Amino acid sequence: MQCIFCKIIKKEIPADFISETDTFVIFKDIEPAAPIHYLIVPKEHIQSIAHLEGNHKEILASLIYGARDEAKKIGLKGYKLVFNVGREGGQVVDHLHLHLLGGWQNDGDIDHRKIPL
């Protein structure tokens, strides 16, 4: 049985795709916690940060650079990058993913109850 992100990557489940490379996809979160809330998801199924192996360094770097490049492309001056690890850390889908959150006009607009600090 594949996880929901694997199905999204294979386009078996629709998603609002922003970008795609050989390594990852970027799509909009269906329950956004910020004006801009994208998920950067590796195409290889890796359960979480806790399950990374030495051969995953390039994948991890590509997620971070992909988030940075997308933020720059859409003109975000400031943003948050968040990895949740395990249920106790707020991870809901057991497939490694990076949250790109931004689009606030100033810090007072951020709902810190929804966004990890």
Protein backbone atom coordinates (compact mmCIF):
# COMPACT_ATOMS: atom_id res chain seq x y z
CA MET A 1 0.00 0.00 0.00
CA GLN A 2 1.39 3.39 -1.01
CA CYS A 3 1.12 6.51 1.12
CA ILE A 4 -0.96 9.46 -0.02
CA PHE A 5 2.13 11.45 -1.04
CA CYS A 6 3.38 8.57 -3.20
CA LYS A 7 -0.02 8.56 -4.92
CA ILE A 8 0.14 12.33 -5.42
CA ILE A 9 3.66 12.05 -6.87
CA LYS A 10 2.41 9.40 -9.33
CA LYS A 11 -0.57 11.68 -10.11
CA GLU A 12 -3.03 9.02 -8.96
CA ILE A 13 -4.52 11.63 -6.61
CA PRO A 14 -4.94 15.24 -7.77
CA ALA A 15 -2.97 18.04 -6.18
CA ASP A 16 -2.26 21.66 -7.03
CA PHE A 17 1.30 21.22 -8.34
CA ILE A 18 3.63 24.19 -8.31
CA SER A 19 6.82 22.57 -9.57
CA GLU A 20 8.46 19.22 -10.27
CA THR A 21 12.03 18.01 -10.72
CA ASP A 22 13.60 14.57 -11.05
CA THR A 23 13.99 14.52 -7.26
CA PHE A 24 10.91 16.19 -5.76
CA VAL A 25 7.51 17.76 -6.31
CA ILE A 26 6.09 20.95 -4.83
CA PHE A 27 2.36 21.29 -4.30
CA LYS A 28 -0.02 23.40 -2.23
CA ASP A 29 -1.03 22.11 1.20
CA ILE A 30 -4.76 21.34 1.28
CA GLU A 31 -5.03 22.79 4.81
CA PRO A 32 -2.80 25.86 4.61
CA ALA A 33 -1.48 27.35 7.83
CA ALA A 34 -0.15 30.45 6.04
CA PRO A 35 -1.06 32.55 2.99
CA ILE A 36 1.59 30.54 1.11
CA HIS A 37 1.88 26.93 2.28
CA TYR A 38 3.66 24.55 -0.06
CA LEU A 39 4.93 21.03 0.54
CA ILE A 40 8.26 19.97 -0.95
CA VAL A 41 8.16 16.17 -1.17
CA PRO A 42 10.90 13.83 -2.39
CA LYS A 43 9.85 11.33 -5.04
CA GLU A 44 11.66 8.60 -3.14
CA HIS A 45 9.58 7.35 -0.23
CA ILE A 46 11.47 8.14 2.97
CA GLN A 47 9.34 7.96 6.11
CA SER A 48 10.82 10.96 7.97
CA ILE A 49 14.00 12.78 8.94
CA ALA A 50 14.53 10.00 11.50
CA HIS A 51 14.79 7.50 8.63
CA LEU A 52 17.41 9.31 6.55
CA GLU A 53 20.47 7.33 5.51
CA GLY A 54 23.86 8.61 4.36
CA ASN A 55 22.83 8.26 0.72
CA HIS A 56 19.95 10.73 1.26
CA LYS A 57 22.13 13.83 1.67
CA GLU A 58 21.52 15.02 -1.89
CA ILE A 59 17.77 14.51 -1.60
CA LEU A 60 17.62 16.49 1.62
CA ALA A 61 19.71 19.29 0.12
CA SER A 62 17.49 19.35 -2.98
CA LEU A 63 14.39 19.87 -0.81
CA ILE A 64 15.94 22.83 0.99
CA TYR A 65 17.30 24.41 -2.19
CA GLY A 66 13.98 23.74 -3.94
CA ALA A 67 12.11 25.55 -1.17
CA ARG A 68 14.57 28.45 -1.31
CA ASP A 69 14.29 28.73 -5.09
CA GLU A 70 10.49 28.61 -5.03
CA ALA A 71 10.37 31.27 -2.29
CA LYS A 72 12.63 33.50 -4.38
CA LYS A 73 10.59 32.83 -7.54
CA ILE A 74 7.35 33.97 -5.89
CA GLY A 75 8.99 36.93 -4.16
CA LEU A 76 8.90 35.87 -0.51
CA LYS A 77 11.26 38.06 1.51
CA GLY A 78 10.82 35.97 4.65
CA TYR A 79 9.47 32.50 5.19
CA LYS A 80 9.58 29.42 7.40
CA LEU A 81 10.86 25.97 6.49
CA VAL A 82 9.55 23.20 8.74
CA PHE A 83 10.17 19.46 8.97
CA ASN A 84 7.86 17.61 11.36
CA VAL A 85 9.28 14.30 12.59
CA GLY A 86 7.02 11.54 13.94
CA ARG A 87 3.53 11.88 15.38
CA GLU A 88 4.94 13.49 18.53
CA GLY A 89 6.50 16.16 16.30
CA GLY A 90 3.32 16.81 14.34
CA GLN A 91 4.04 14.64 11.28
CA VAL A 92 0.72 13.48 9.84
CA VAL A 93 1.84 11.77 6.62
CA ASP A 94 4.60 9.17 6.92
CA HIS A 95 6.55 10.50 3.93
CA LEU A 96 9.34 13.03 4.41
CA HIS A 97 8.22 16.53 3.41
CA LEU A 98 9.29 20.09 3.96
CA HIS A 99 6.76 22.85 4.61
CA LEU A 100 7.39 26.23 2.96
CA LEU A 101 5.29 28.81 4.79
CA GLY A 102 5.14 32.52 4.06
CA GLY A 103 3.21 35.38 2.58
CA TRP A 104 2.51 37.26 5.78
CA GLN A 105 2.75 41.04 5.62
CA ASN A 106 4.40 41.25 9.05
CA ASP A 107 5.02 39.16 12.15
CA GLY A 108 1.73 40.29 13.70
CA ASP A 109 -0.14 38.47 10.92
CA ILE A 110 1.35 35.07 11.79
CA ASP A 111 -0.95 32.79 13.76
CA HIS A 112 1.69 31.17 15.97
CA ARG A 113 -0.86 28.63 17.18
CA LYS A 114 -0.78 27.07 13.70
CA ILE A 115 2.90 27.60 12.89
CA PRO A 116 5.82 26.09 14.78
CA LEU A 117 8.26 28.74 16.00
